[in-house]
Amino acid sequence: MAYTEIYKRYSGILYLHAYNKLRNREEAKDILQELFTNIWNRRKELKIETNLSGYLYTAIRNRVFKQIASKGVEAQYLSSIQKYANQWECITDHLTRQNQLEALPTKMKEVFLLSRKTYLSHREIAGQLGITESTAKKQVNNALKILRAKLGLFTWLLLFIKF
């Protein structure tokens, strides 16, 4: 009976107090529920030495602060996980591309990189490397065939462009 009376008298105002700080209805309800559950579970050993309303306000305030701190820690944790995942993805993508490029013969790799990384035309590659334009074109096409067979050209190009 006394518990029900305390709940009826204070739950509304304590909820508003929690909600005003958190701006989240579900979190405010959860904190209020946790407070009253804790009071019920500790009813036999609980000794309130101040007035009841002061105890309840302090208890709800402390739970709100704990919730806010937990959100901050959670946000930092999620941010660090995202940062790590982005780094890992970049390293993995780079290593995948590097491994695929290593499968190409040296001259073919050089021609392919000039074509895809520095965007030179077959004519410009031929002039720079002292080979014929048709050789430059054939080297790029052969590189594409090898890479297409190993990883799939579309996937490989996406990985290459991403870096």
Protein backbone atom coordinates (compact mmCIF):
# COMPACT_ATOMS: atom_id res chain seq x y z
CA MET A 1 0.00 0.00 0.00
CA ALA A 2 2.69 2.52 0.93
CA TYR A 3 4.71 1.62 -2.18
CA THR A 4 1.67 2.20 -4.42
CA GLU A 5 1.02 5.56 -2.78
CA ILE A 6 4.66 6.63 -3.24
CA TYR A 7 4.53 5.55 -6.88
CA LYS A 8 1.28 7.43 -7.54
CA ARG A 9 2.51 10.57 -5.81
CA TYR A 10 6.01 10.82 -7.31
CA SER A 11 6.19 8.89 -10.59
CA GLY A 12 4.74 11.65 -12.78
CA ILE A 13 7.02 14.41 -11.54
CA LEU A 14 10.09 12.14 -11.52
CA TYR A 15 9.32 11.08 -15.09
CA LEU A 16 9.12 14.73 -16.18
CA HIS A 17 12.39 15.47 -14.40
CA ALA A 18 14.13 12.59 -16.21
CA TYR A 19 12.51 13.44 -19.55
CA ASN A 20 13.55 17.10 -19.33
CA LYS A 21 17.17 16.02 -19.01
CA LEU A 22 17.20 13.12 -21.50
CA ARG A 23 14.61 14.24 -24.07
CA ASN A 24 13.79 10.61 -24.68
CA ARG A 25 10.51 9.15 -23.44
CA GLU A 26 11.61 5.52 -23.40
CA GLU A 27 14.83 6.24 -21.54
CA ALA A 28 12.96 8.35 -18.99
CA LYS A 29 10.40 5.54 -18.48
CA ASP A 30 13.19 2.98 -18.15
CA ILE A 31 15.03 5.04 -15.56
CA LEU A 32 11.84 5.60 -13.56
CA GLN A 33 11.00 1.89 -13.71
CA GLU A 34 14.53 1.01 -12.62
CA LEU A 35 14.30 3.40 -9.65
CA PHE A 36 11.00 2.01 -8.38
CA THR A 37 12.09 -1.58 -9.01
CA ASN A 38 15.22 -0.93 -7.00
CA ILE A 39 13.18 0.61 -4.17
CA TRP A 40 10.86 -2.40 -4.14
CA ASN A 41 13.73 -4.91 -4.16
CA ARG A 42 15.53 -3.09 -1.33
CA ARG A 43 12.41 -2.21 0.67
CA LYS A 44 13.43 -4.25 3.72
CA GLU A 45 16.92 -2.80 4.12
CA LEU A 46 16.32 0.67 2.64
CA LYS A 47 16.69 3.42 5.22
CA ILE A 48 15.83 6.91 3.96
CA GLU A 49 17.44 9.39 6.35
CA THR A 50 16.31 12.53 4.53
CA ASN A 51 12.86 13.34 3.29
CA LEU A 52 11.41 10.96 0.71
CA SER A 53 11.06 13.48 -2.12
CA GLY A 54 14.71 14.56 -1.73
CA TYR A 55 15.82 10.94 -1.85
CA LEU A 56 13.75 10.23 -4.97
CA TYR A 57 14.94 13.35 -6.83
CA THR A 58 18.55 12.56 -6.01
CA ALA A 59 18.11 8.94 -7.09
CA ILE A 60 16.49 9.87 -10.41
CA ARG A 61 19.09 12.60 -11.04
CA ASN A 62 21.94 10.17 -10.44
CA ARG A 63 20.39 7.64 -12.82
CA VAL A 64 19.96 10.34 -15.46
CA PHE A 65 23.62 11.36 -15.11
CA LYS A 66 24.65 7.73 -15.36
CA GLN A 67 22.55 7.34 -18.52
CA ILE A 68 24.06 10.48 -20.09
CA ALA A 69 27.58 9.33 -19.25
CA SER A 70 26.82 5.91 -20.69
CA LYS A 71 25.60 7.53 -23.93
CA GLY A 72 28.86 9.49 -24.17
CA VAL A 73 30.94 6.37 -23.68
CA GLU A 74 28.77 4.49 -26.18
CA ALA A 75 29.14 7.27 -28.77
CA GLN A 76 32.93 7.31 -28.32
CA TYR A 77 33.03 3.53 -28.60
CA LEU A 78 30.94 3.52 -31.79
CA SER A 79 33.05 6.30 -33.25
CA SER A 80 36.28 4.43 -32.54
CA ILE A 81 34.85 1.23 -34.04
CA GLN A 82 33.79 3.12 -37.17
CA LYS A 83 37.23 4.75 -37.45
CA TYR A 84 38.93 1.37 -37.07
CA ALA A 85 36.59 -0.24 -39.61
CA ASN A 86 37.28 2.51 -42.13
CA GLN A 87 41.03 2.12 -41.65
CA TRP A 88 40.81 -1.64 -41.94
CA GLU A 89 38.68 -1.41 -45.08
CA CYS A 90 41.17 0.96 -46.68
CA ILE A 91 44.13 -1.28 -45.77
CA THR A 92 42.30 -4.39 -46.97
CA ASP A 93 41.27 -2.75 -50.24
CA HIS A 94 44.79 -1.52 -50.83
CA LEU A 95 46.29 -4.95 -50.11
CA THR A 96 43.76 -6.64 -52.39
CA ARG A 97 44.57 -4.29 -55.24
CA GLN A 98 48.28 -4.61 -54.60
CA ASN A 99 48.12 -8.42 -54.62
CA GLN A 100 46.14 -8.42 -57.85
CA LEU A 101 48.59 -6.05 -59.49
CA GLU A 102 51.50 -8.23 -58.41
CA ALA A 103 50.04 -11.01 -60.56
CA LEU A 104 50.78 -8.89 -63.64
CA PRO A 105 54.15 -9.01 -65.41
CA THR A 106 56.27 -5.92 -64.66
CA LYS A 107 55.92 -4.15 -68.00
CA MET A 108 52.19 -4.92 -68.20
CA LYS A 109 51.67 -3.56 -64.68
CA GLU A 110 53.56 -0.37 -65.57
CA VAL A 111 51.43 0.16 -68.70
CA PHE A 112 48.21 -0.59 -66.82
CA LEU A 113 49.03 1.83 -63.98
CA LEU A 114 49.90 4.59 -66.45
CA SER A 115 46.56 3.98 -68.13
CA ARG A 116 44.42 3.78 -64.98
CA LYS A 117 46.24 5.80 -62.36
CA THR A 118 47.67 8.67 -64.40
CA TYR A 119 44.97 8.48 -67.10
CA LEU A 120 47.40 8.48 -70.00
CA SER A 121 46.18 7.48 -73.44
CA HIS A 122 47.69 4.51 -75.28
CA ARG A 123 49.59 6.97 -77.48
CA GLU A 124 50.99 8.83 -74.44
CA ILE A 125 52.01 5.55 -72.77
CA ALA A 126 53.71 4.40 -75.97
CA GLY A 127 55.64 7.66 -76.21
CA GLN A 128 56.67 7.60 -72.56
CA LEU A 129 57.81 3.95 -72.56
CA GLY A 130 59.20 3.76 -76.09
CA ILE A 131 56.75 1.10 -77.28
CA THR A 132 54.15 1.11 -80.04
CA GLU A 133 50.63 2.33 -79.42
CA SER A 134 49.24 -1.10 -80.32
CA THR A 135 51.58 -2.73 -77.75
CA ALA A 136 50.35 -0.32 -75.06
CA LYS A 137 46.73 -1.10 -75.98
CA LYS A 138 47.40 -4.85 -75.97
CA GLN A 139 49.16 -4.65 -72.56
CA VAL A 140 46.19 -2.79 -71.02
CA ASN A 141 43.72 -5.28 -72.50
CA ASN A 142 45.77 -8.26 -71.28
CA ALA A 143 46.00 -6.73 -67.80
CA LEU A 144 42.23 -6.28 -67.76
CA LYS A 145 41.72 -9.92 -68.79
CA ILE A 146 43.99 -11.15 -65.99
CA LEU A 147 42.38 -8.92 -63.38
CA ARG A 148 38.89 -9.79 -64.60
CA ALA A 149 39.68 -13.49 -64.23
CA LYS A 150 41.18 -13.06 -60.75
CA LEU A 151 38.68 -10.80 -59.04
CA GLY A 152 36.13 -9.61 -61.51
CA LEU A 153 36.83 -6.38 -63.34
CA PHE A 154 33.94 -4.41 -61.91
CA THR A 155 34.84 -5.27 -58.34
CA TRP A 156 38.49 -4.63 -59.00
CA LEU A 157 37.86 -1.25 -60.59
CA LEU A 158 35.64 -0.26 -57.68
CA LEU A 159 38.42 -1.18 -55.28
CA PHE A 160 40.97 0.66 -57.39
CA ILE A 161 38.89 3.82 -57.71
CA LYS A 162 38.04 3.81 -53.99
CA PHE A 163 41.70 4.08 -53.08
